[in-house]
Amino acid sequence: MNITVHNYNRGFVYFICLVSAMGGLLFGYDWVVIGGAKPFYEAYFGITDSPAMIGLAMSIALVGCLAGATTAGILADAIGRRALLAVSASVFLVSAWGTGAADTFTFFLIARLLGGVGIGIASGLSPMYIAEVAPASIRGRLVSLNQLTIVLGILAAQIVNMLIAEHVEPGLSADLLAMTWNGQTAWRHMFWGAAYPAAAFLLLALAIPESPRWLLMKGKSAKALSILSRIGGESYAHTESRDVEAALEAERGRGGMKMLLGKPFRHALTLGLVIAVFQQWCGTNVIFNYAQEIFSAAGYELGDLFFQIVVTGITNVIFTFVAIYTVDRLGRRALMLLGAAGLGIIYLILGCCYSMHLTGVIMMLLVVLAIACYAMTLGPVTWVLLSEIFPDKVRAAAMAVCTFALWTGSATLTFSFPYLNAGLGAHVTFWVYAAICLTAYIYLYRRCPETKGKTLEEIQKTLN
C-alpha cells in the first residue's frame, strides 16, 4: 500500500534521515582529508623517502573499514541502529582528535585505523537506517541523501585542505617543509576539522528514534507503532507494522548469516555483492585517490592540483542532486544501467585520448564527465539498492557482507592502480575499467530488478 508523499510528516522524516546521513558526511570527509594532509604529515614524521610507510599511512584506514563493516551487522542487530549510529559518531570524534594530536607515527596510524572503523560502520548503517524508516514512495530520494552527505563531506575536506594549507615554495626539501606552518600545524587542523560535525552527529543521534523495523524484530510493537504513527499517521503505522510482522512471521526461526546464505536469498546476495564491488571497480574513485597522477598525465602542473580536486568535488555534489531528483522517477535499474554504459564509453574515449597524448581542457572535461556520470548513478543508487533488496531479518548481516565486499573492492582498486598505471599506461588502465563497466552492464541488464515505489516487503517477494 502506497500513500502519497503529502500524507507523511515530512519534517520529521527528513530530520531523522538527515541526522543518520551525517555518518555519510563524516565518511566522505575522513576518506578524502588525508589526500591534502599527505605531503605535510609525511614530512613531519620523516617518512617521505619510505614507500612502505607512505603506503601504510594511506591504507591503514582500509583495514579499519573492513573491521567496521564486519562488526556493524552483528552490533546493529544486537544494540539497535540508533545506538550504533551514536557509537560510530563517537569513533569519528576520537579519531579526528587523535589523528590531529599525534606526535608519533604509531599514534597517527592507530587514530587513522580507528577512523576507518567509523567509516566501515557508517557506510552501511546510515543507508540501512534510512531505508527502514523511509516511506516507499520517497525511499530512494531519502537514501540518496546519504550519498549527498558523502560528497558534501568530500568537498568540505577538499575546500578545508585548500584553505588551511599555505603556499609552498617549489623544490622545498622534506626537512624544511616539516619546519613550516604546513608541516607543523596545518595538517593537524585538517584532521581536527572532522571533530565538529562528529560532535554534532553524536548529540543528534541521541535525539532520533530507533528503527521501527528493528523494534518489531525485538517484539517492541508499541514503540514501533508510535514511531510509524509520527512518520505517516495511524493508518500508515498499522499497515506497515502488519506487513513487517507478516514477513517476520514467515521468517520465524531463521535469521542472520545462516538465513542470508540459504538458497532463497542467494540471488539477492549475489546481486548485492556484484553491485557493491562494481561501485568501486568501475574506477571512478581512483580519480579522487590518485588525482595527482591522473591530472599530471593529462598535462596539469602540481600547483594546479588543489584547484582541480575542488572542481571534481563540486561536480560530484551537483550531479548527486540530479540523482536525488531522478532516483524515484527514472528508477534504480535505469540509473545503474546508465552509469555502467556511460562510464564504459567515457573510459574508452579517455583511454584513446591518453594513447594519443592529448592534454589540457579536453582531458579535464572527460574526467569531470566521468565523475558526473558516477555521481548521478552508481554512487548513490548502489546504496539505495543495497538497503532495499534484503529482508528485515538479514538486512543488517547482508549490509555488513556487502559493505565488506565494497571496501575489499576499494582496497584492490587502490592498490592495483599504481601497478596498472606504471605497467600498462594510463590509456590501457582506463580501457580495463571500460571493460569492467561494460561487463557489469550485461549482468545488471539481466539480473537487476526495478525496486522504485515498492515496499521493502514487496521487494523481498520479488527476489525470493
Protein backbone atom coordinates (compact mmCIF):
# COMPACT_ATOMS: atom_id res chain seq x y z
CA MET A 1 0.00 0.00 0.00
CA ASN A 2 1.49 3.32 -1.06
CA ILE A 3 0.45 6.64 0.49
CA THR A 4 1.10 9.90 -1.29
CA VAL A 5 4.03 11.91 -0.08
CA HIS A 6 1.93 14.79 1.32
CA ASN A 7 0.39 12.45 3.93
CA TYR A 8 3.75 11.96 5.63
CA ASN A 9 5.23 14.07 8.40
CA ARG A 10 7.88 15.30 6.03
CA GLY A 11 9.71 17.50 8.53
CA PHE A 12 10.15 14.60 10.96
CA VAL A 13 11.10 12.10 8.24
CA TYR A 14 13.68 14.39 6.65
CA PHE A 15 15.12 15.33 10.04
CA ILE A 16 15.79 11.75 11.18
CA CYS A 17 17.12 10.78 7.73
CA LEU A 18 19.46 13.77 7.57
CA VAL A 19 20.78 13.02 11.06
CA SER A 20 21.51 9.45 10.04
CA ALA A 21 23.11 10.70 6.83
CA MET A 22 25.66 12.69 8.88
CA GLY A 23 27.51 9.38 9.05
CA GLY A 24 27.99 9.80 5.31
CA LEU A 25 29.30 13.35 5.79
CA LEU A 26 31.99 12.11 8.17
CA PHE A 27 32.69 9.13 5.92
CA GLY A 28 33.37 11.45 2.97
CA TYR A 29 35.44 13.96 4.95
CA ASP A 30 37.60 11.37 6.70
CA TRP A 31 38.15 9.41 3.49
CA VAL A 32 39.45 12.39 1.49
CA VAL A 33 41.07 14.74 4.03
CA ILE A 34 44.24 12.65 4.13
CA GLY A 35 44.97 13.49 0.49
CA GLY A 36 45.57 17.18 1.26
CA ALA A 37 47.44 16.47 4.50
CA LYS A 38 49.66 13.80 2.93
CA PRO A 39 52.79 15.80 1.96
CA PHE A 40 52.81 17.62 5.29
CA TYR A 41 52.44 14.77 7.79
CA GLU A 42 54.91 12.73 5.72
CA ALA A 43 57.48 15.49 6.21
CA TYR A 44 56.63 15.83 9.92
CA PHE A 45 57.03 12.11 10.61
CA GLY A 46 60.07 11.79 8.33
CA ILE A 47 58.60 9.10 6.05
CA THR A 48 58.90 10.96 2.74
CA ASP A 49 61.56 8.53 1.48
CA SER A 50 59.84 5.38 2.74
CA PRO A 51 57.30 4.00 0.24
CA ALA A 52 56.28 1.30 2.74
CA MET A 53 55.41 3.83 5.45
CA ILE A 54 53.67 6.11 2.95
CA GLY A 55 51.56 3.21 1.74
CA LEU A 56 50.78 2.13 5.31
CA ALA A 57 49.59 5.62 6.26
CA MET A 58 47.33 5.80 3.20
CA SER A 59 45.90 2.29 3.50
CA ILE A 60 45.58 1.67 7.25
CA ALA A 61 42.09 3.18 7.25
CA LEU A 62 41.01 0.47 4.78
CA VAL A 63 41.84 -2.16 7.39
CA GLY A 64 39.62 -0.27 9.82
CA CYS A 65 36.87 -0.07 7.18
CA LEU A 66 36.87 -3.84 6.81
CA ALA A 67 36.78 -4.32 10.60
CA GLY A 68 33.95 -1.80 10.98
CA ALA A 69 31.93 -3.33 8.16
CA THR A 70 32.41 -6.84 9.58
CA THR A 71 31.12 -5.96 13.06
CA ALA A 72 28.41 -3.49 12.02
CA GLY A 73 25.81 -6.14 11.15
CA ILE A 74 26.16 -8.02 14.44
CA LEU A 75 26.09 -4.83 16.50
CA ALA A 76 23.16 -3.30 14.57
CA ASP A 77 21.03 -6.35 15.33
CA ALA A 78 22.24 -6.60 18.94
CA ILE A 79 22.06 -3.00 20.19
CA GLY A 80 19.94 -1.33 17.53
CA ARG A 81 20.51 1.05 14.64
CA ARG A 82 20.32 4.30 16.63
CA ALA A 83 22.75 3.18 19.33
CA LEU A 84 25.27 2.10 16.70
CA LEU A 85 24.94 5.45 14.92
CA ALA A 86 25.96 7.09 18.22
CA VAL A 87 28.87 4.65 18.53
CA SER A 88 30.10 5.49 15.03
CA ALA A 89 29.87 9.22 15.82
CA SER A 90 31.98 8.67 18.95
CA VAL A 91 34.56 6.73 16.95
CA PHE A 92 34.82 9.56 14.40
CA LEU A 93 35.20 12.12 17.19
CA VAL A 94 38.02 10.24 18.92
CA SER A 95 39.75 9.52 15.60
CA ALA A 96 39.61 13.17 14.47
CA TRP A 97 41.14 14.36 17.73
CA GLY A 98 43.76 11.59 17.83
CA THR A 99 44.94 11.96 14.25
CA GLY A 100 45.47 15.70 14.59
CA ALA A 101 47.11 15.38 18.03
CA ALA A 102 49.52 12.59 17.04
CA ASP A 103 53.18 13.23 17.86
CA THR A 104 54.38 9.80 16.81
CA PHE A 105 53.73 7.88 13.60
CA THR A 106 52.41 4.89 15.57
CA PHE A 107 49.80 7.04 17.32
CA PHE A 108 48.86 8.54 13.94
CA LEU A 109 48.32 5.06 12.47
CA ILE A 110 46.16 3.95 15.39
CA ALA A 111 43.97 7.05 15.04
CA ARG A 112 43.62 6.52 11.27
CA LEU A 113 42.74 2.87 11.86
CA LEU A 114 40.00 3.99 14.25
CA GLY A 115 38.71 6.44 11.66
CA GLY A 116 38.47 3.57 9.20
CA VAL A 117 36.35 1.64 11.71
CA GLY A 118 33.98 4.59 11.84
CA ILE A 119 33.78 4.69 8.04
CA GLY A 120 33.14 0.94 7.87
CA ILE A 121 30.26 1.19 10.34
CA ALA A 122 28.66 4.34 8.95
CA SER A 123 28.92 3.40 5.27
CA GLY A 124 26.45 0.54 5.64
CA LEU A 125 24.50 1.60 8.73
CA SER A 126 23.31 5.07 7.63
CA PRO A 127 21.58 3.96 4.39
CA MET A 128 20.12 0.91 6.17
CA TYR A 129 18.55 3.05 8.90
CA ILE A 130 17.14 5.49 6.32
CA ALA A 131 15.66 2.65 4.24
CA GLU A 132 13.97 1.22 7.32
CA VAL A 133 12.26 4.49 8.33
CA ALA A 134 11.54 5.97 4.89
CA PRO A 135 8.14 5.59 3.16
CA ALA A 136 8.36 3.52 -0.03
CA SER A 137 7.43 6.29 -2.47
CA ILE A 138 10.33 8.55 -1.40
CA ARG A 139 12.77 5.94 -0.07
CA GLY A 140 15.17 6.26 -2.99
CA ARG A 141 15.39 10.01 -2.60
CA LEU A 142 15.95 9.75 1.14
CA VAL A 143 18.61 7.02 0.94
CA SER A 144 20.33 9.14 -1.74
CA LEU A 145 20.67 11.87 0.90
CA ASN A 146 23.37 9.68 2.43
CA GLN A 147 25.37 9.83 -0.82
CA LEU A 148 24.80 13.59 -0.94
CA THR A 149 26.29 13.99 2.51
CA ILE A 150 29.23 11.77 1.47
CA VAL A 151 30.07 14.02 -1.48
CA LEU A 152 29.49 17.13 0.65
CA GLY A 153 31.97 15.67 3.12
CA ILE A 154 34.43 15.06 0.30
CA LEU A 155 34.02 18.61 -0.98
CA ALA A 156 34.32 20.03 2.54
CA ALA A 157 37.61 18.19 3.05
CA GLN A 158 38.91 19.44 -0.30
CA ILE A 159 37.99 23.05 0.49
CA VAL A 160 39.30 22.87 4.07
CA ASN A 161 42.60 21.47 2.82
CA MET A 162 42.91 24.21 0.21
CA LEU A 163 42.10 27.00 2.70
CA ILE A 164 44.34 25.76 5.52
CA ALA A 165 47.46 24.92 3.50
CA GLU A 166 49.80 27.84 2.91
CA HIS A 167 51.72 28.30 -0.33
CA VAL A 168 54.77 26.07 -0.52
CA GLU A 169 57.85 27.12 -2.45
CA PRO A 170 58.64 24.65 -5.26
CA GLY A 171 61.53 22.29 -4.55
CA LEU A 172 61.38 22.68 -0.77
CA SER A 173 63.05 19.72 0.93
CA ALA A 174 61.12 17.48 3.31
CA ASP A 175 63.21 18.68 6.27
CA LEU A 176 62.41 22.32 5.53
CA LEU A 177 58.76 21.53 4.80
CA ALA A 178 58.50 19.86 8.21
CA MET A 179 59.51 23.16 9.84
CA THR A 180 56.82 25.25 8.11
CA TRP A 181 53.27 26.00 9.31
CA ASN A 182 52.03 23.29 6.95
CA GLY A 183 54.45 20.69 8.31
CA GLN A 184 53.89 21.52 11.97
CA THR A 185 50.26 22.60 12.28
CA ALA A 186 48.20 22.80 9.07
CA TRP A 187 47.76 19.04 8.63
CA ARG A 188 46.57 18.75 12.24
CA HIS A 189 43.77 21.27 11.66
CA MET A 190 42.75 19.40 8.51
CA PHE A 191 42.04 16.28 10.57
CA TRP A 192 40.57 18.22 13.51
CA GLY A 193 38.01 19.68 11.10
CA ALA A 194 36.03 16.41 11.37
CA ALA A 195 35.60 16.76 15.14
CA TYR A 196 32.92 19.47 14.89
CA PRO A 197 30.42 17.54 12.71
CA ALA A 198 31.26 14.36 14.67
CA ALA A 199 30.24 16.03 17.94
CA ALA A 200 27.03 17.33 16.34
CA PHE A 201 26.31 13.86 14.92
CA LEU A 202 26.73 12.28 18.35
CA LEU A 203 24.30 14.69 20.01
CA LEU A 204 21.70 14.47 17.23
CA ALA A 205 21.92 10.67 17.01
CA LEU A 206 20.65 10.55 20.58
CA ALA A 207 17.61 12.63 19.54
CA ILE A 208 16.29 10.41 16.72
CA PRO A 209 14.09 7.33 17.22
CA GLU A 210 15.10 3.72 16.82
CA SER A 211 14.27 1.96 13.55
CA PRO A 212 10.66 0.73 13.84
CA ARG A 213 11.56 -2.42 11.90
CA TRP A 214 14.27 -3.27 14.44
CA LEU A 215 11.78 -2.65 17.26
CA LEU A 216 9.27 -5.02 15.62
CA MET A 217 12.01 -7.64 15.25
CA LYS A 218 12.59 -7.33 19.01
CA GLY A 219 8.88 -7.60 19.82
CA LYS A 220 8.51 -3.93 20.84
CA SER A 221 5.34 -3.31 18.85
CA ALA A 222 4.03 -0.37 20.89
CA LYS A 223 7.21 1.68 20.40
CA ALA A 224 7.33 0.77 16.71
CA LEU A 225 3.70 1.84 16.19
CA SER A 226 4.37 5.14 17.95
CA ILE A 227 7.29 5.95 15.62
CA LEU A 228 5.44 4.82 12.49
CA SER A 229 2.48 6.99 13.51
CA ARG A 230 4.75 10.02 13.74
CA ILE A 231 6.02 9.21 10.23
CA GLY A 232 2.72 8.64 8.41
CA GLY A 233 -0.25 8.56 10.76
CA GLU A 234 -2.13 5.71 12.42
CA SER A 235 -3.37 4.05 9.22
CA TYR A 236 0.15 4.01 7.79
CA ALA A 237 1.55 2.69 11.08
CA HIS A 238 -0.87 -0.24 11.29
CA THR A 239 -0.38 -1.15 7.61
CA GLU A 240 3.40 -1.05 7.84
CA SER A 241 3.58 -2.95 11.13
CA ARG A 242 1.19 -5.62 9.81
CA ASP A 243 3.29 -6.13 6.67
CA VAL A 244 6.56 -6.25 8.62
CA GLU A 245 5.19 -8.67 11.22
CA ALA A 246 3.81 -10.93 8.46
CA ALA A 247 7.23 -11.01 6.82
CA LEU A 248 8.90 -11.69 10.17
CA GLU A 249 6.43 -14.50 10.88
CA ALA A 250 7.31 -16.11 7.55
CA GLU A 251 10.99 -15.92 8.52
CA ARG A 252 10.50 -17.07 12.12
CA GLY A 253 13.17 -19.44 13.36
CA ARG A 254 15.63 -18.17 10.79
CA GLY A 255 17.78 -15.08 10.65
CA GLY A 256 21.24 -13.61 10.41
CA MET A 257 24.05 -15.07 8.35
CA LYS A 258 22.66 -18.62 8.17
CA MET A 259 19.44 -17.40 6.60
CA LEU A 260 21.28 -14.98 4.30
CA LEU A 261 23.39 -17.80 2.85
CA GLY A 262 20.36 -20.02 2.31
CA LYS A 263 19.06 -20.82 -1.16
CA PRO A 264 16.09 -18.38 -1.20
CA PHE A 265 18.38 -15.37 -0.80
CA ARG A 266 21.38 -16.34 -2.89
CA HIS A 267 20.19 -14.29 -5.85
CA ALA A 268 19.76 -11.18 -3.70
CA LEU A 269 23.14 -11.71 -2.04
CA THR A 270 24.91 -12.25 -5.37
CA LEU A 271 23.28 -9.13 -6.78
CA GLY A 272 24.28 -7.14 -3.70
CA LEU A 273 27.89 -8.31 -3.86
CA VAL A 274 28.20 -7.53 -7.58
CA ILE A 275 26.70 -4.07 -7.14
CA ALA A 276 28.94 -3.30 -4.14
CA VAL A 277 32.18 -4.39 -5.80
CA PHE A 278 31.28 -2.80 -9.13
CA GLN A 279 30.74 0.59 -7.48
CA GLN A 280 34.47 0.51 -6.67
CA TRP A 281 35.85 -1.42 -9.64
CA CYS A 282 34.17 0.97 -12.08
CA GLY A 283 37.31 3.03 -11.45
CA THR A 284 35.94 6.47 -10.64
CA ASN A 285 37.37 6.56 -7.12
CA VAL A 286 40.94 6.42 -8.43
CA ILE A 287 40.33 9.96 -9.71
CA PHE A 288 40.00 11.09 -6.08
CA ASN A 289 42.70 8.83 -4.63
CA TYR A 290 45.27 9.43 -7.36
CA ALA A 291 44.32 12.88 -8.60
CA GLN A 292 47.98 13.94 -8.84
CA GLU A 293 48.94 11.09 -11.17
CA ILE A 294 45.82 11.42 -13.34
CA PHE A 295 46.00 15.19 -13.78
CA SER A 296 49.77 15.09 -14.28
CA ALA A 297 49.29 12.56 -17.07
CA ALA A 298 46.68 14.93 -18.52
CA GLY A 299 49.26 17.74 -18.64
CA TYR A 300 48.46 19.70 -15.46
CA GLU A 301 51.08 21.07 -13.10
CA LEU A 302 51.23 20.08 -9.43
CA GLY A 303 50.46 23.68 -8.45
CA ASP A 304 47.00 23.32 -10.01
CA LEU A 305 46.23 20.16 -8.03
CA PHE A 306 44.10 21.62 -5.23
CA PHE A 307 42.00 23.59 -7.72
CA GLN A 308 41.41 20.57 -9.97
CA ILE A 309 40.40 18.45 -6.97
CA VAL A 310 37.87 21.06 -5.84
CA VAL A 311 36.42 21.16 -9.38
CA THR A 312 35.84 17.41 -9.24
CA GLY A 313 34.29 17.76 -5.78
CA ILE A 314 31.84 20.45 -6.94
CA THR A 315 30.87 18.27 -9.91
CA ASN A 316 30.30 15.36 -7.54
CA VAL A 317 27.89 17.41 -5.41
CA ILE A 318 25.93 18.94 -8.30
CA PHE A 319 25.21 15.63 -10.01
CA THR A 320 24.33 13.88 -6.74
CA PHE A 321 21.41 16.34 -6.62
CA VAL A 322 20.46 15.06 -10.08
CA ALA A 323 20.40 11.52 -8.65
CA ILE A 324 18.18 12.59 -5.74
CA TYR A 325 15.72 14.12 -8.22
CA THR A 326 15.65 11.14 -10.60
CA VAL A 327 16.05 8.00 -8.45
CA ASP A 328 12.34 7.80 -7.58
CA ARG A 329 11.31 8.90 -11.10
CA LEU A 330 13.55 7.01 -13.51
CA GLY A 331 14.15 4.14 -11.10
CA ARG A 332 17.18 2.31 -9.74
CA ARG A 333 17.64 -0.15 -12.63
CA ALA A 334 17.63 2.57 -15.30
CA LEU A 335 20.21 4.66 -13.46
CA MET A 336 22.51 1.68 -12.81
CA LEU A 337 22.42 0.74 -16.50
CA LEU A 338 23.02 4.37 -17.50
CA GLY A 339 26.01 4.57 -15.15
CA ALA A 340 27.61 1.32 -16.36
CA ALA A 341 27.18 2.16 -20.05
CA GLY A 342 28.06 5.83 -19.67
CA LEU A 343 31.28 5.23 -17.74
CA GLY A 344 32.29 2.44 -20.12
CA ILE A 345 32.01 4.79 -23.11
CA ILE A 346 33.75 7.70 -21.32
CA TYR A 347 36.66 5.47 -20.28
CA LEU A 348 37.06 4.15 -23.84
CA ILE A 349 37.33 7.75 -25.10
CA LEU A 350 39.60 8.78 -22.20
CA GLY A 351 41.92 5.86 -22.90
CA CYS A 352 42.11 6.84 -26.58
CA CYS A 353 42.98 10.42 -25.62
CA TYR A 354 45.75 9.22 -23.29
CA SER A 355 47.11 6.97 -26.06
CA MET A 356 47.26 9.98 -28.40
CA HIS A 357 48.98 12.04 -25.66
CA LEU A 358 46.26 14.67 -25.64
CA THR A 359 46.43 17.14 -22.73
CA GLY A 360 44.61 20.13 -21.32
CA VAL A 361 40.94 21.06 -21.22
CA ILE A 362 39.58 18.07 -23.15
CA MET A 363 41.12 15.67 -20.62
CA MET A 364 39.75 17.68 -17.72
CA LEU A 365 36.28 17.66 -19.30
CA LEU A 366 36.33 13.87 -19.72
CA VAL A 367 37.37 13.38 -16.10
CA VAL A 368 34.60 15.73 -14.92
CA LEU A 369 32.11 13.93 -17.19
CA ALA A 370 33.08 10.58 -15.64
CA ILE A 371 32.56 11.96 -12.13
CA ALA A 372 29.21 13.47 -13.14
CA CYS A 373 28.05 10.15 -14.59
CA TYR A 374 29.12 8.28 -11.45
CA ALA A 375 27.61 10.85 -9.06
CA MET A 376 24.14 10.67 -10.64
CA THR A 377 24.07 6.87 -10.98
CA LEU A 378 26.38 4.30 -9.38
CA GLY A 379 27.47 6.41 -6.42
CA PRO A 380 24.08 6.88 -4.72
CA VAL A 381 21.99 4.15 -6.38
CA THR A 382 24.30 1.38 -5.14
CA TRP A 383 23.46 2.29 -1.54
CA VAL A 384 19.75 2.57 -2.35
CA LEU A 385 19.64 -0.93 -3.84
CA LEU A 386 21.75 -2.49 -1.09
CA SER A 387 19.42 -1.07 1.55
CA GLU A 388 16.32 -2.35 -0.27
CA ILE A 389 16.91 -5.85 -1.62
CA PHE A 390 17.27 -7.82 1.64
CA PRO A 391 14.54 -8.91 4.10
CA ASP A 392 14.32 -7.41 7.59
CA LYS A 393 15.86 -10.32 9.49
CA VAL A 394 19.02 -10.45 7.37
CA ARG A 395 19.32 -6.80 6.32
CA ALA A 396 21.97 -5.92 8.90
CA ALA A 397 24.02 -9.05 8.14
CA ALA A 398 23.61 -8.53 4.39
CA MET A 399 24.66 -4.87 4.56
CA ALA A 400 27.71 -5.92 6.58
CA VAL A 401 28.69 -8.55 3.99
CA CYS A 402 28.12 -6.22 1.04
CA THR A 403 29.88 -3.30 2.71
CA PHE A 404 32.83 -5.59 3.48
CA ALA A 405 32.88 -6.58 -0.20
CA LEU A 406 32.69 -2.92 -1.22
CA TRP A 407 35.69 -1.98 0.90
CA THR A 408 37.59 -5.03 -0.33
CA GLY A 409 36.88 -3.79 -3.85
CA SER A 410 38.08 -0.34 -2.82
CA ALA A 411 41.31 -1.80 -1.40
CA THR A 412 42.06 -3.85 -4.52
CA LEU A 413 41.29 -0.85 -6.75
CA THR A 414 43.51 1.43 -4.66
CA PHE A 415 46.44 -0.99 -4.56
CA SER A 416 46.20 -2.08 -8.21
CA PHE A 417 46.03 1.34 -9.89
CA PRO A 418 49.71 2.31 -9.44
CA TYR A 419 50.80 -1.05 -10.90
CA LEU A 420 48.36 -0.85 -13.81
CA ASN A 421 49.26 2.77 -14.49
CA ALA A 422 53.01 2.07 -14.38
CA GLY A 423 52.92 -1.26 -16.22
CA LEU A 424 50.22 -0.67 -18.83
CA GLY A 425 49.98 3.10 -19.03
CA ALA A 426 47.03 5.35 -18.29
CA HIS A 427 45.32 4.54 -21.59
CA VAL A 428 45.20 0.75 -21.10
CA THR A 429 44.26 1.21 -17.43
CA PHE A 430 41.13 3.13 -18.37
CA TRP A 431 40.33 0.59 -21.08
CA VAL A 432 40.42 -2.08 -18.35
CA TYR A 433 37.90 -0.04 -16.35
CA ALA A 434 35.78 0.34 -19.51
CA ALA A 435 35.71 -3.45 -19.94
CA ILE A 436 34.61 -3.87 -16.31
CA CYS A 437 31.80 -1.34 -16.80
CA LEU A 438 30.50 -2.95 -19.97
CA THR A 439 30.61 -6.43 -18.39
CA ALA A 440 28.66 -5.12 -15.41
CA TYR A 441 26.11 -3.58 -17.78
CA ILE A 442 25.34 -7.02 -19.21
CA TYR A 443 24.93 -8.53 -15.74
CA LEU A 444 22.73 -5.70 -14.46
CA TYR A 445 20.57 -5.79 -17.59
CA ARG A 446 19.87 -9.46 -16.97
CA ARG A 447 19.66 -9.59 -13.16
CA CYS A 448 18.86 -6.20 -11.60
CA PRO A 449 15.13 -5.68 -10.86
CA GLU A 450 13.34 -2.37 -10.55
CA THR A 451 12.52 -1.53 -6.92
CA LYS A 452 11.16 2.01 -7.06
CA GLY A 453 7.81 2.59 -5.35
CA LYS A 454 7.71 -0.85 -3.73
CA THR A 455 7.68 -1.55 0.00
CA LEU A 456 10.61 -3.50 1.38
CA GLU A 457 8.30 -6.47 1.85
CA GLU A 458 7.16 -6.32 -1.79
CA ILE A 459 10.79 -6.23 -2.94
CA GLN A 460 11.53 -9.23 -0.76
CA LYS A 461 8.80 -11.25 -2.50
CA THR A 462 10.16 -10.25 -5.93
CA LEU A 463 13.66 -11.52 -5.14
CA ASN A 464 12.67 -14.74 -3.39
